[in-house]
All heavy atoms as atom14 arrays in JSON, in Angstrom:
{
  "sequence": "MFKDAPNEALTQQCKDVTAAYERIACKQKELEDLRNYGSGGEA",
  "atom14_mask": [
    [1, 1, 1, 1, 1, 1, 1, 1, 0, 0, 0, 0, 0, 0],
    [1, 1, 1, 1, 1, 1, 1, 1, 1, 1, 1, 0, 0, 0],
    [1, 1, 1, 1, 1, 1, 1, 1, 1, 0, 0, 0, 0, 0],
    [1, 1, 1, 1, 1, 1, 1, 1, 0, 0, 0, 0, 0, 0],
    [1, 1, 1, 1, 1, 0, 0, 0, 0, 0, 0, 0, 0, 0],
    [1, 1, 1, 1, 1, 1, 1, 0, 0, 0, 0, 0, 0, 0],
    [1, 1, 1, 1, 1, 1, 1, 1, 0, 0, 0, 0, 0, 0],
    [1, 1, 1, 1, 1, 1, 1, 1, 1, 0, 0, 0, 0, 0],
    [1, 1, 1, 1, 1, 0, 0, 0, 0, 0, 0, 0, 0, 0],
    [1, 1, 1, 1, 1, 1, 1, 1, 0, 0, 0, 0, 0, 0],
    [1, 1, 1, 1, 1, 1, 1, 0, 0, 0, 0, 0, 0, 0],
    [1, 1, 1, 1, 1, 1, 1, 1, 1, 0, 0, 0, 0, 0],
    [1, 1, 1, 1, 1, 1, 1, 1, 1, 0, 0, 0, 0, 0],
    [1, 1, 1, 1, 1, 1, 0, 0, 0, 0, 0, 0, 0, 0],
    [1, 1, 1, 1, 1, 1, 1, 1, 1, 0, 0, 0, 0, 0],
    [1, 1, 1, 1, 1, 1, 1, 1, 0, 0, 0, 0, 0, 0],
    [1, 1, 1, 1, 1, 1, 1, 0, 0, 0, 0, 0, 0, 0],
    [1, 1, 1, 1, 1, 1, 1, 0, 0, 0, 0, 0, 0, 0],
    [1, 1, 1, 1, 1, 0, 0, 0, 0, 0, 0, 0, 0, 0],
    [1, 1, 1, 1, 1, 0, 0, 0, 0, 0, 0, 0, 0, 0],
    [1, 1, 1, 1, 1, 1, 1, 1, 1, 1, 1, 1, 0, 0],
    [1, 1, 1, 1, 1, 1, 1, 1, 1, 0, 0, 0, 0, 0],
    [1, 1, 1, 1, 1, 1, 1, 1, 1, 1, 1, 0, 0, 0],
    [1, 1, 1, 1, 1, 1, 1, 1, 0, 0, 0, 0, 0, 0],
    [1, 1, 1, 1, 1, 0, 0, 0, 0, 0, 0, 0, 0, 0],
    [1, 1, 1, 1, 1, 1, 0, 0, 0, 0, 0, 0, 0, 0],
    [1, 1, 1, 1, 1, 1, 1, 1, 1, 0, 0, 0, 0, 0],
    [1, 1, 1, 1, 1, 1, 1, 1, 1, 0, 0, 0, 0, 0],
    [1, 1, 1, 1, 1, 1, 1, 1, 1, 0, 0, 0, 0, 0],
    [1, 1, 1, 1, 1, 1, 1, 1, 1, 0, 0, 0, 0, 0],
    [1, 1, 1, 1, 1, 1, 1, 1, 0, 0, 0, 0, 0, 0],
    [1, 1, 1, 1, 1, 1, 1, 1, 1, 0, 0, 0, 0, 0],
    [1, 1, 1, 1, 1, 1, 1, 1, 0, 0, 0, 0, 0, 0],
    [1, 1, 1, 1, 1, 1, 1, 1, 0, 0, 0, 0, 0, 0],
    [1, 1, 1, 1, 1, 1, 1, 1, 1, 1, 1, 0, 0, 0],
    [1, 1, 1, 1, 1, 1, 1, 1, 0, 0, 0, 0, 0, 0],
    [1, 1, 1, 1, 1, 1, 1, 1, 1, 1, 1, 1, 0, 0],
    [1, 1, 1, 1, 0, 0, 0, 0, 0, 0, 0, 0, 0, 0],
    [1, 1, 1, 1, 1, 1, 0, 0, 0, 0, 0, 0, 0, 0],
    [1, 1, 1, 1, 0, 0, 0, 0, 0, 0, 0, 0, 0, 0],
    [1, 1, 1, 1, 0, 0, 0, 0, 0, 0, 0, 0, 0, 0],
    [1, 1, 1, 1, 1, 1, 1, 1, 1, 0, 0, 0, 0, 0],
    [1, 1, 1, 1, 1, 0, 0, 0, 0, 0, 0, 0, 0, 0]
  ],
  "atom14_positions": [
    [[-2.18, 31.77, 12.34], [-2.63, 30.55, 11.71], [-1.9, 30.23, 10.39], [-1.66, 29.09, 10.1], [-4.19, 30.6, 11.44], [-4.97, 30.64, 12.73], [-6.74, 30.94, 12.41], [-7.18, 29.51, 11.47], [0.0, 0.0, 0.0], [0.0, 0.0, 0.0], [0.0, 0.0, 0.0], [0.0, 0.0, 0.0], [0.0, 0.0, 0.0], [0.0, 0.0, 0.0]],
    [[-1.61, 31.3, 9.6], [-1.17, 31.03, 8.23], [0.2, 31.71, 7.94], [0.56, 31.83, 6.71], [-2.18, 31.56, 7.24], [-3.51, 30.92, 7.41], [-4.59, 31.64, 7.95], [-3.75, 29.59, 7.03], [-5.82, 31.05, 8.09], [-4.98, 29.04, 7.23], [-6.02, 29.75, 7.73], [0.0, 0.0, 0.0], [0.0, 0.0, 0.0], [0.0, 0.0, 0.0]],
    [[0.98, 32.05, 8.89], [2.25, 32.78, 8.61], [3.21, 31.94, 7.79], [3.95, 32.47, 6.97], [2.92, 33.22, 9.87], [3.42, 32.13, 10.79], [4.08, 32.71, 12.04], [4.38, 31.54, 12.98], [4.87, 32.06, 14.25], [0.0, 0.0, 0.0], [0.0, 0.0, 0.0], [0.0, 0.0, 0.0], [0.0, 0.0, 0.0], [0.0, 0.0, 0.0]],
    [[3.16, 30.61, 7.92], [4.1, 29.73, 7.2], [3.56, 29.43, 5.79], [4.32, 29.01, 4.93], [4.32, 28.47, 7.98], [5.08, 28.73, 9.29], [5.85, 29.61, 9.33], [4.79, 28.0, 10.28], [0.0, 0.0, 0.0], [0.0, 0.0, 0.0], [0.0, 0.0, 0.0], [0.0, 0.0, 0.0], [0.0, 0.0, 0.0], [0.0, 0.0, 0.0]],
    [[2.22, 29.55, 5.58], [1.63, 29.26, 4.3], [0.52, 30.22, 4.04], [-0.7, 29.83, 4.0], [1.16, 27.81, 4.24], [0.0, 0.0, 0.0], [0.0, 0.0, 0.0], [0.0, 0.0, 0.0], [0.0, 0.0, 0.0], [0.0, 0.0, 0.0], [0.0, 0.0, 0.0], [0.0, 0.0, 0.0], [0.0, 0.0, 0.0], [0.0, 0.0, 0.0]],
    [[0.78, 31.5, 3.88], [-0.31, 32.47, 3.72], [-0.93, 32.42, 2.34], [-0.33, 31.92, 1.38], [0.41, 33.83, 3.93], [1.81, 33.6, 3.52], [2.09, 32.15, 3.88], [0.0, 0.0, 0.0], [0.0, 0.0, 0.0], [0.0, 0.0, 0.0], [0.0, 0.0, 0.0], [0.0, 0.0, 0.0], [0.0, 0.0, 0.0], [0.0, 0.0, 0.0]],
    [[-2.11, 32.96, 2.23], [-2.77, 33.2, 0.99], [-1.85, 34.03, 0.14], [-1.15, 34.9, 0.59], [-4.09, 33.89, 1.24], [-4.83, 34.25, -0.05], [-4.31, 34.92, -0.94], [-6.08, 33.76, -0.09], [0.0, 0.0, 0.0], [0.0, 0.0, 0.0], [0.0, 0.0, 0.0], [0.0, 0.0, 0.0], [0.0, 0.0, 0.0], [0.0, 0.0, 0.0]],
    [[-1.83, 33.75, -1.19], [-0.93, 34.45, -2.08], [-1.03, 35.97, -1.98], [-0.03, 36.69, -2.03], [-1.21, 34.0, -3.52], [-0.27, 34.55, -4.52], [-0.53, 34.03, -5.95], [-0.85, 32.83, -6.11], [-0.43, 34.82, -6.87], [0.0, 0.0, 0.0], [0.0, 0.0, 0.0], [0.0, 0.0, 0.0], [0.0, 0.0, 0.0], [0.0, 0.0, 0.0]],
    [[-2.23, 36.48, -1.78], [-2.42, 37.93, -1.7], [-1.8, 38.51, -0.44], [-1.5, 39.7, -0.38], [-3.91, 38.22, -1.74], [0.0, 0.0, 0.0], [0.0, 0.0, 0.0], [0.0, 0.0, 0.0], [0.0, 0.0, 0.0], [0.0, 0.0, 0.0], [0.0, 0.0, 0.0], [0.0, 0.0, 0.0], [0.0, 0.0, 0.0], [0.0, 0.0, 0.0]],
    [[-1.59, 37.72, 0.59], [-1.02, 38.2, 1.89], [0.41, 37.72, 2.16], [0.9, 37.94, 3.31], [-1.98, 37.8, 2.98], [-3.4, 38.38, 2.87], [-4.29, 37.8, 3.96], [-3.39, 39.85, 2.92], [0.0, 0.0, 0.0], [0.0, 0.0, 0.0], [0.0, 0.0, 0.0], [0.0, 0.0, 0.0], [0.0, 0.0, 0.0], [0.0, 0.0, 0.0]],
    [[1.02, 37.13, 1.23], [2.38, 36.61, 1.47], [3.35, 37.69, 1.87], [4.08, 37.53, 2.85], [2.89, 35.89, 0.2], [1.98, 34.83, -0.14], [4.28, 35.36, 0.4], [0.0, 0.0, 0.0], [0.0, 0.0, 0.0], [0.0, 0.0, 0.0], [0.0, 0.0, 0.0], [0.0, 0.0, 0.0], [0.0, 0.0, 0.0], [0.0, 0.0, 0.0]],
    [[3.36, 38.79, 1.16], [4.31, 39.85, 1.45], [4.02, 40.46, 2.84], [4.96, 40.75, 3.59], [4.31, 40.94, 0.38], [5.34, 41.99, 0.56], [6.78, 41.41, 0.58], [7.13, 40.6, -0.25], [7.55, 41.78, 1.58], [0.0, 0.0, 0.0], [0.0, 0.0, 0.0], [0.0, 0.0, 0.0], [0.0, 0.0, 0.0], [0.0, 0.0, 0.0]],
    [[2.76, 40.65, 3.17], [2.41, 41.2, 4.47], [2.88, 40.28, 5.61], [3.44, 40.79, 6.61], [0.92, 41.53, 4.61], [0.45, 42.67, 3.78], [0.06, 42.26, 2.33], [0.43, 41.16, 1.87], [-0.58, 43.14, 1.64], [0.0, 0.0, 0.0], [0.0, 0.0, 0.0], [0.0, 0.0, 0.0], [0.0, 0.0, 0.0], [0.0, 0.0, 0.0]],
    [[2.7, 38.99, 5.48], [3.13, 38.04, 6.45], [4.64, 38.12, 6.57], [5.22, 38.05, 7.72], [2.64, 36.63, 6.14], [0.88, 36.42, 6.46], [0.0, 0.0, 0.0], [0.0, 0.0, 0.0], [0.0, 0.0, 0.0], [0.0, 0.0, 0.0], [0.0, 0.0, 0.0], [0.0, 0.0, 0.0], [0.0, 0.0, 0.0], [0.0, 0.0, 0.0]],
    [[5.38, 38.18, 5.43], [6.85, 38.28, 5.49], [7.26, 39.57, 6.22], [8.22, 39.52, 7.0], [7.42, 38.29, 4.08], [7.41, 36.89, 3.43], [7.97, 37.02, 1.99], [7.94, 35.67, 1.34], [8.47, 35.77, -0.06], [0.0, 0.0, 0.0], [0.0, 0.0, 0.0], [0.0, 0.0, 0.0], [0.0, 0.0, 0.0], [0.0, 0.0, 0.0]],
    [[6.53, 40.64, 5.96], [6.87, 41.94, 6.62], [6.62, 41.86, 8.09], [7.41, 42.38, 8.88], [6.02, 43.03, 6.02], [6.43, 43.37, 4.56], [7.48, 42.92, 4.13], [5.62, 44.08, 3.89], [0.0, 0.0, 0.0], [0.0, 0.0, 0.0], [0.0, 0.0, 0.0], [0.0, 0.0, 0.0], [0.0, 0.0, 0.0], [0.0, 0.0, 0.0]],
    [[5.52, 41.19, 8.51], [5.28, 41.03, 9.95], [6.36, 40.22, 10.6], [6.85, 40.56, 11.68], [3.86, 40.41, 10.2], [3.65, 40.08, 11.63], [2.75, 41.42, 9.76], [0.0, 0.0, 0.0], [0.0, 0.0, 0.0], [0.0, 0.0, 0.0], [0.0, 0.0, 0.0], [0.0, 0.0, 0.0], [0.0, 0.0, 0.0], [0.0, 0.0, 0.0]],
    [[6.72, 39.15, 9.99], [7.78, 38.26, 10.53], [9.09, 39.04, 10.66], [9.76, 38.99, 11.69], [7.95, 37.03, 9.64], [6.76, 36.29, 9.57], [9.06, 36.13, 10.14], [0.0, 0.0, 0.0], [0.0, 0.0, 0.0], [0.0, 0.0, 0.0], [0.0, 0.0, 0.0], [0.0, 0.0, 0.0], [0.0, 0.0, 0.0], [0.0, 0.0, 0.0]],
    [[9.41, 39.84, 9.6], [10.66, 40.62, 9.66], [10.56, 41.64, 10.79], [11.57, 41.87, 11.5], [10.89, 41.3, 8.3], [0.0, 0.0, 0.0], [0.0, 0.0, 0.0], [0.0, 0.0, 0.0], [0.0, 0.0, 0.0], [0.0, 0.0, 0.0], [0.0, 0.0, 0.0], [0.0, 0.0, 0.0], [0.0, 0.0, 0.0], [0.0, 0.0, 0.0]],
    [[9.4, 42.29, 10.99], [9.23, 43.23, 12.04], [9.42, 42.57, 13.42], [10.08, 43.15, 14.3], [7.88, 43.94, 11.96], [0.0, 0.0, 0.0], [0.0, 0.0, 0.0], [0.0, 0.0, 0.0], [0.0, 0.0, 0.0], [0.0, 0.0, 0.0], [0.0, 0.0, 0.0], [0.0, 0.0, 0.0], [0.0, 0.0, 0.0], [0.0, 0.0, 0.0]],
    [[8.82, 41.39, 13.6], [9.07, 40.69, 14.86], [10.54, 40.41, 15.06], [11.05, 40.5, 16.19], [8.26, 39.36, 14.84], [6.8, 39.48, 15.26], [5.84, 38.87, 14.48], [6.41, 40.2, 16.37], [4.48, 39.0, 14.86], [5.1, 40.29, 16.73], [4.12, 39.67, 15.94], [2.82, 39.73, 16.34], [0.0, 0.0, 0.0], [0.0, 0.0, 0.0]],
    [[11.21, 39.98, 14.02], [12.65, 39.72, 14.18], [13.42, 40.99, 14.53], [14.38, 40.94, 15.4], [13.2, 39.15, 12.83], [12.75, 37.73, 12.59], [13.12, 37.26, 11.17], [13.71, 37.99, 10.39], [12.77, 36.04, 10.89], [0.0, 0.0, 0.0], [0.0, 0.0, 0.0], [0.0, 0.0, 0.0], [0.0, 0.0, 0.0], [0.0, 0.0, 0.0]],
    [[13.1, 42.14, 13.93], [13.75, 43.41, 14.25], [13.48, 43.78, 15.7], [14.4, 44.24, 16.46], [13.34, 44.48, 13.33], [13.94, 44.32, 11.94], [13.71, 45.58, 11.05], [12.29, 45.92, 10.89], [11.5, 45.47, 9.92], [11.97, 44.65, 9.01], [10.23, 45.84, 9.85], [0.0, 0.0, 0.0], [0.0, 0.0, 0.0], [0.0, 0.0, 0.0]],
    [[12.29, 43.54, 16.18], [11.9, 43.82, 17.56], [12.71, 42.99, 18.49], [13.31, 43.49, 19.45], [10.38, 43.64, 17.78], [9.57, 44.75, 17.12], [10.09, 43.61, 19.31], [8.07, 44.48, 17.11], [0.0, 0.0, 0.0], [0.0, 0.0, 0.0], [0.0, 0.0, 0.0], [0.0, 0.0, 0.0], [0.0, 0.0, 0.0], [0.0, 0.0, 0.0]],
    [[12.8, 41.67, 18.25], [13.56, 40.79, 19.1], [15.01, 41.17, 19.12], [15.68, 41.17, 20.18], [13.41, 39.37, 18.62], [0.0, 0.0, 0.0], [0.0, 0.0, 0.0], [0.0, 0.0, 0.0], [0.0, 0.0, 0.0], [0.0, 0.0, 0.0], [0.0, 0.0, 0.0], [0.0, 0.0, 0.0], [0.0, 0.0, 0.0], [0.0, 0.0, 0.0]],
    [[15.6, 41.54, 17.97], [16.96, 41.97, 17.91], [17.17, 43.23, 18.72], [18.16, 43.33, 19.48], [17.36, 42.16, 16.47], [19.1, 42.34, 16.18], [0.0, 0.0, 0.0], [0.0, 0.0, 0.0], [0.0, 0.0, 0.0], [0.0, 0.0, 0.0], [0.0, 0.0, 0.0], [0.0, 0.0, 0.0], [0.0, 0.0, 0.0], [0.0, 0.0, 0.0]],
    [[16.36, 44.19, 18.61], [16.5, 45.49, 19.29], [16.3, 45.25, 20.84], [16.97, 45.89, 21.62], [15.51, 46.52, 18.74], [15.91, 46.96, 17.39], [14.93, 47.9, 16.76], [15.45, 48.25, 15.32], [14.68, 49.27, 14.68], [0.0, 0.0, 0.0], [0.0, 0.0, 0.0], [0.0, 0.0, 0.0], [0.0, 0.0, 0.0], [0.0, 0.0, 0.0]],
    [[15.42, 44.33, 21.19], [15.21, 44.02, 22.6], [16.48, 43.38, 23.18], [16.87, 43.72, 24.28], [13.99, 43.15, 22.79], [12.67, 43.83, 22.63], [11.48, 42.88, 22.72], [11.56, 41.71, 22.3], [10.35, 43.39, 23.13], [0.0, 0.0, 0.0], [0.0, 0.0, 0.0], [0.0, 0.0, 0.0], [0.0, 0.0, 0.0], [0.0, 0.0, 0.0]],
    [[17.11, 42.52, 22.38], [18.34, 41.87, 22.84], [19.43, 42.93, 22.98], [20.19, 42.99, 23.93], [18.74, 40.79, 21.86], [20.13, 40.2, 22.09], [20.19, 39.41, 23.39], [21.52, 38.68, 23.48], [22.03, 38.66, 24.81], [0.0, 0.0, 0.0], [0.0, 0.0, 0.0], [0.0, 0.0, 0.0], [0.0, 0.0, 0.0], [0.0, 0.0, 0.0]],
    [[19.48, 43.84, 22.03], [20.48, 44.94, 22.09], [20.23, 45.83, 23.32], [21.19, 46.22, 24.03], [20.44, 45.76, 20.82], [21.6, 46.69, 20.64], [21.68, 47.37, 19.29], [21.01, 46.91, 18.37], [22.46, 48.3, 19.2], [0.0, 0.0, 0.0], [0.0, 0.0, 0.0], [0.0, 0.0, 0.0], [0.0, 0.0, 0.0], [0.0, 0.0, 0.0]],
    [[18.98, 46.12, 23.58], [18.64, 46.92, 24.79], [19.09, 46.17, 26.07], [19.68, 46.75, 26.96], [17.14, 47.16, 24.85], [16.63, 48.37, 24.12], [15.09, 48.39, 24.18], [17.21, 49.66, 24.68], [0.0, 0.0, 0.0], [0.0, 0.0, 0.0], [0.0, 0.0, 0.0], [0.0, 0.0, 0.0], [0.0, 0.0, 0.0], [0.0, 0.0, 0.0]],
    [[18.82, 44.86, 26.12], [19.2, 44.06, 27.28], [20.75, 44.09, 27.46], [21.23, 44.29, 28.54], [18.75, 42.63, 27.1], [19.09, 41.7, 28.22], [18.64, 40.29, 27.94], [17.54, 40.09, 27.45], [19.45, 39.39, 28.25], [0.0, 0.0, 0.0], [0.0, 0.0, 0.0], [0.0, 0.0, 0.0], [0.0, 0.0, 0.0], [0.0, 0.0, 0.0]],
    [[21.51, 43.96, 26.31], [22.92, 44.0, 26.41], [23.42, 45.38, 26.85], [24.42, 45.47, 27.55], [23.54, 43.59, 25.05], [23.37, 42.1, 24.77], [23.01, 41.33, 25.68], [23.6, 41.72, 23.59], [0.0, 0.0, 0.0], [0.0, 0.0, 0.0], [0.0, 0.0, 0.0], [0.0, 0.0, 0.0], [0.0, 0.0, 0.0], [0.0, 0.0, 0.0]],
    [[22.8, 46.44, 26.33], [23.2, 47.74, 26.75], [22.96, 47.97, 28.24], [23.73, 48.67, 28.92], [22.46, 48.81, 25.9], [22.93, 48.94, 24.46], [22.01, 49.88, 23.68], [24.34, 49.43, 24.42], [0.0, 0.0, 0.0], [0.0, 0.0, 0.0], [0.0, 0.0, 0.0], [0.0, 0.0, 0.0], [0.0, 0.0, 0.0], [0.0, 0.0, 0.0]],
    [[21.88, 47.41, 28.79], [21.63, 47.52, 30.19], [22.79, 46.79, 30.98], [23.26, 47.29, 32.0], [20.32, 46.88, 30.57], [19.15, 47.74, 30.22], [17.85, 47.12, 30.82], [16.74, 47.59, 30.0], [16.05, 46.85, 29.15], [16.29, 45.57, 29.03], [15.09, 47.32, 28.42], [0.0, 0.0, 0.0], [0.0, 0.0, 0.0], [0.0, 0.0, 0.0]],
    [[23.24, 45.69, 30.47], [24.31, 44.92, 31.1], [25.71, 45.56, 30.86], [26.58, 45.36, 31.69], [24.35, 43.49, 30.59], [23.09, 42.71, 31.0], [22.51, 43.03, 31.99], [22.72, 41.71, 30.19], [0.0, 0.0, 0.0], [0.0, 0.0, 0.0], [0.0, 0.0, 0.0], [0.0, 0.0, 0.0], [0.0, 0.0, 0.0], [0.0, 0.0, 0.0]],
    [[25.81, 46.27, 29.8], [27.1, 46.88, 29.46], [27.6, 47.81, 30.53], [28.8, 47.76, 30.86], [26.96, 47.65, 28.08], [28.28, 48.16, 27.57], [29.2, 47.31, 27.04], [28.55, 49.52, 27.58], [30.39, 47.76, 26.56], [29.73, 49.98, 27.08], [30.68, 49.12, 26.55], [31.87, 49.58, 26.04], [0.0, 0.0, 0.0], [0.0, 0.0, 0.0]],
    [[26.77, 48.61, 31.1], [27.11, 49.51, 32.15], [27.48, 48.86, 33.44], [28.17, 49.39, 34.3], [0.0, 0.0, 0.0], [0.0, 0.0, 0.0], [0.0, 0.0, 0.0], [0.0, 0.0, 0.0], [0.0, 0.0, 0.0], [0.0, 0.0, 0.0], [0.0, 0.0, 0.0], [0.0, 0.0, 0.0], [0.0, 0.0, 0.0], [0.0, 0.0, 0.0]],
    [[27.08, 47.64, 33.59], [27.36, 46.91, 34.88], [28.45, 45.84, 34.66], [28.43, 44.8, 35.32], [26.05, 46.26, 35.41], [25.54, 45.36, 34.44], [0.0, 0.0, 0.0], [0.0, 0.0, 0.0], [0.0, 0.0, 0.0], [0.0, 0.0, 0.0], [0.0, 0.0, 0.0], [0.0, 0.0, 0.0], [0.0, 0.0, 0.0], [0.0, 0.0, 0.0]],
    [[29.36, 46.08, 33.77], [30.47, 45.18, 33.59], [30.15, 44.01, 32.67], [30.93, 43.07, 32.58], [0.0, 0.0, 0.0], [0.0, 0.0, 0.0], [0.0, 0.0, 0.0], [0.0, 0.0, 0.0], [0.0, 0.0, 0.0], [0.0, 0.0, 0.0], [0.0, 0.0, 0.0], [0.0, 0.0, 0.0], [0.0, 0.0, 0.0], [0.0, 0.0, 0.0]],
    [[29.0, 44.08, 31.98], [28.64, 42.95, 31.08], [29.36, 43.03, 29.79], [30.24, 43.83, 29.57], [0.0, 0.0, 0.0], [0.0, 0.0, 0.0], [0.0, 0.0, 0.0], [0.0, 0.0, 0.0], [0.0, 0.0, 0.0], [0.0, 0.0, 0.0], [0.0, 0.0, 0.0], [0.0, 0.0, 0.0], [0.0, 0.0, 0.0], [0.0, 0.0, 0.0]],
    [[29.0, 42.13, 28.88], [29.67, 42.07, 27.56], [29.3, 43.31, 26.75], [28.39, 44.03, 27.02], [29.17, 40.76, 26.8], [29.66, 39.5, 27.45], [31.18, 39.37, 27.38], [31.76, 39.69, 26.32], [31.76, 38.94, 28.39], [0.0, 0.0, 0.0], [0.0, 0.0, 0.0], [0.0, 0.0, 0.0], [0.0, 0.0, 0.0], [0.0, 0.0, 0.0]],
    [[30.04, 43.46, 25.7], [29.74, 44.58, 24.78], [28.35, 44.39, 24.16], [27.83, 43.27, 24.13], [30.78, 44.6, 23.64], [0.0, 0.0, 0.0], [0.0, 0.0, 0.0], [0.0, 0.0, 0.0], [0.0, 0.0, 0.0], [0.0, 0.0, 0.0], [0.0, 0.0, 0.0], [0.0, 0.0, 0.0], [0.0, 0.0, 0.0], [0.0, 0.0, 0.0]]
  ]
}
């Protein structure tokens, strides 16, 4: 509900959650690419 405009006391926690989601997405993409790498896919 409030990730874009959190209460001042929770601003840092919301930023940390967003950053964690971004790291998860990035690592999932890297895993996907690694799965494709062995089958002639891109690096």
